[in-house]
């Protein structure tokens, strides 16, 4: 691992070639799929006679499959090329989203959401690497653009999902299928043929990359943070009953607007002023307090709604800064880092809502949110072990990535000294 200096102010992250905008647009629609379903979770449970834990499997099947399939996205994209991989992922999302809308019961929806997760994995990991490699405005600008797409998608998804959900629980699934079909066409038309990958990635590289302490540590931070995040996102709708899907959509739209604002403007400004680690420490602790408030006053709907909306500010900053941290200090090629990080963090995001629902069924509504708050504090403590590396990146030093297998011996130990 080598380090070089970086100087000069980067250009605006929003001055991009059309290929980057095509992928960013597809990202917006993809992330709309997260919020699109959230306002209908309580009505799904009622109309399909399902328990909250059964409904939470919509998150678990989707995100756990996404996590596992992240491990093979690099292997696939290094053989098909980035554009074909993006197209394959979008096609799968369209097919399985439409199939979920056509399903006759909760088990079918859960199964089709798993297939949806496969397409999501191919799309998310590849889209991030395409934006990072193709965007003007520098690496940080590319991350801001990616997280902007995430924020805009998450903000607009609940409004559309709430309105469609007032028609039928099936309508949001068909809405995702239609929107992703538009993204598919945009990607086919606007994204030029991507160059052939320089090398074919080994299927084991994302797992081997976890031997690198900096990547393993920041990925663990992502898992802990996502546990708290998806505890809130997945279970809080049940605490707001009996509000309607459109009203629930407005709550999560307010939340999503804060996600977008703080991902696009808040995170970069605070990072420049205070640095990545200090900003994240404070942010994790404040978000932990916010999540704990939901657990303590879970039976006060006004408190839950306010805390959910406020959490958008913390989540927006965390999304940008944690992704930047991972991709900045990972001493491996960025597609490998993206797949490894996606695998670890989505495991936390997938399991948290299901575990939360089971804890509520067997204990009370306080426990899962207290645990979620604890994982956020733990995320800050784990992040502290790579404080020095993050400070070095904030000072303008750039870690030059190297292939996973080139400098690891048979024991998985690097023969190169760490430079940061």
Foldseek 3Di string as FASTA:
>chain_A
DDKDFFDDAFDALPPWALLLVLLLLLLLLVLLLLQLQLLCLVVQCVVQVHALLLSLLLLQLQLLLLLVLLLCLLLVCLVVPLLVLQLVLLVQLLVLLLQLLVDDHSVSNSVSSNSNSNSVNSSPLSSLLCQCVRTGRHNLSSLLSNLLSNLNSQLPSLQNSLVLVVVPSSRSSNVSSVSSVVSSVSSVPRNDGGDNRPDRDDSCQLVLLCLDPQLVLLLLLLLLLLLLVLQLSSPLSVLQPPDGSNVVSNLSSLLSNLLNCCLNPVQVVCCLVPNLLVVLLVLLLVLLVLLLQCLVPSNPNVSSSVSSSVSSNSNSNCSSSSVCSQQFQRQADNSSSSSNSSSSNSNSNSVNSSVQSVCCVVPNNNVSSNSSSVSSNVSSVSVVVCVVVRVCVSSRMGRHHDHSPPQADPVSDGPDDDPD
